Amino acid sequence: MGSIEAQIPGLYLLASHDIISALDQCENLALVVSFYEIYCGKLYDLLNERKDLICREDAKQKVNIVGLTEIPVKNV
């Protein structure tokens, strides 16, 4: 846990700085983020006005969330 008063960054902020600095060293990699919520057994896209989402499993047993918004990220 970070602290605003003591100006100590939290785990998420430290991790995001590390990820972005690692991506800066590799030209062929990109970072996209998505945020979803599971509430009462339903999926919601938190980057698209809580739009309802559908979760499906393909033949290789890979779980896919259909319609989830992905936003490219270049900095913290």
Protein backbone atom coordinates (compact mmCIF):
# COMPACT_ATOMS: atom_id res chain seq x y z
CA MET A 1 0.00 0.00 0.00
CA GLY A 2 1.27 3.42 -0.89
CA SER A 3 0.70 6.64 0.96
CA ILE A 4 -0.21 9.99 -0.57
CA GLU A 5 0.83 11.90 2.55
CA ALA A 6 4.27 10.26 2.72
CA GLN A 7 4.59 10.26 -1.09
CA ILE A 8 5.21 6.52 -1.19
CA PRO A 9 3.99 4.95 -4.44
CA GLY A 10 1.80 1.86 -4.22
CA LEU A 11 2.36 -1.52 -5.81
CA TYR A 12 0.25 -0.82 -8.93
CA LEU A 13 2.11 2.41 -9.66
CA LEU A 14 5.52 0.80 -9.15
CA ALA A 15 4.57 -2.14 -11.37
CA SER A 16 3.24 0.11 -14.12
CA HIS A 17 6.47 2.13 -14.15
CA ASP A 18 8.48 -1.11 -14.46
CA ILE A 19 6.28 -2.43 -17.27
CA ILE A 20 6.42 0.81 -19.27
CA SER A 21 10.20 1.08 -18.87
CA ALA A 22 10.59 -2.53 -20.06
CA LEU A 23 8.36 -1.83 -23.07
CA ASP A 24 10.45 1.23 -23.97
CA GLN A 25 13.41 -1.12 -24.51
CA CYS A 26 11.49 -3.35 -26.95
CA GLU A 27 10.24 -1.79 -30.18
CA ASN A 28 8.09 -4.73 -31.28
CA LEU A 29 5.91 -4.92 -28.16
CA ALA A 30 2.76 -3.00 -27.30
CA LEU A 31 0.61 -2.76 -24.19
CA VAL A 32 -3.18 -2.67 -24.14
CA VAL A 33 -5.37 -2.52 -21.05
CA SER A 34 -8.90 -3.67 -20.32
CA PHE A 35 -10.97 -3.47 -17.18
CA TYR A 36 -14.00 -5.59 -16.47
CA GLU A 37 -16.12 -6.26 -13.44
CA ILE A 38 -17.92 -9.40 -12.38
CA TYR A 39 -21.01 -8.45 -10.39
CA CYS A 40 -23.86 -10.82 -9.53
CA GLY A 41 -22.60 -13.32 -12.07
CA LYS A 42 -22.57 -10.80 -14.95
CA LEU A 43 -19.61 -9.23 -16.74
CA TYR A 44 -19.37 -5.47 -17.30
CA ASP A 45 -16.87 -3.48 -19.39
CA LEU A 46 -15.59 -0.68 -17.13
CA LEU A 47 -14.02 1.23 -20.04
CA ASN A 48 -17.23 1.32 -22.08
CA GLU A 49 -20.01 2.64 -19.81
CA ARG A 50 -20.49 -0.72 -18.04
CA LYS A 51 -21.62 -2.45 -21.25
CA ASP A 52 -22.72 -6.08 -20.74
CA LEU A 53 -20.15 -8.63 -21.88
CA ILE A 54 -20.29 -12.29 -22.82
CA CYS A 55 -17.75 -14.88 -21.69
CA ARG A 56 -17.15 -17.84 -24.01
CA GLU A 57 -14.80 -20.81 -24.06
CA ASP A 58 -13.36 -22.00 -27.38
CA ALA A 59 -12.49 -25.54 -28.50
CA LYS A 60 -9.00 -25.22 -26.97
CA GLN A 61 -10.57 -24.33 -23.59
CA LYS A 62 -9.37 -20.73 -23.85
CA VAL A 63 -11.71 -18.24 -22.15
CA ASN A 64 -12.63 -15.19 -24.24
CA ILE A 65 -14.57 -12.13 -23.12
CA VAL A 66 -16.43 -11.02 -26.23
CA GLY A 67 -16.65 -7.27 -26.84
CA LEU A 68 -14.19 -6.19 -24.14
CA THR A 69 -12.66 -2.77 -24.85
CA GLU A 70 -8.88 -2.68 -25.26
CA ILE A 71 -7.04 0.64 -25.04
CA PRO A 72 -3.40 1.00 -26.14
CA VAL A 73 -1.14 2.47 -23.43
CA LYS A 74 2.22 4.20 -23.95
CA ASN A 75 2.85 5.82 -20.54
CA VAL A 76 1.85 5.59 -16.92
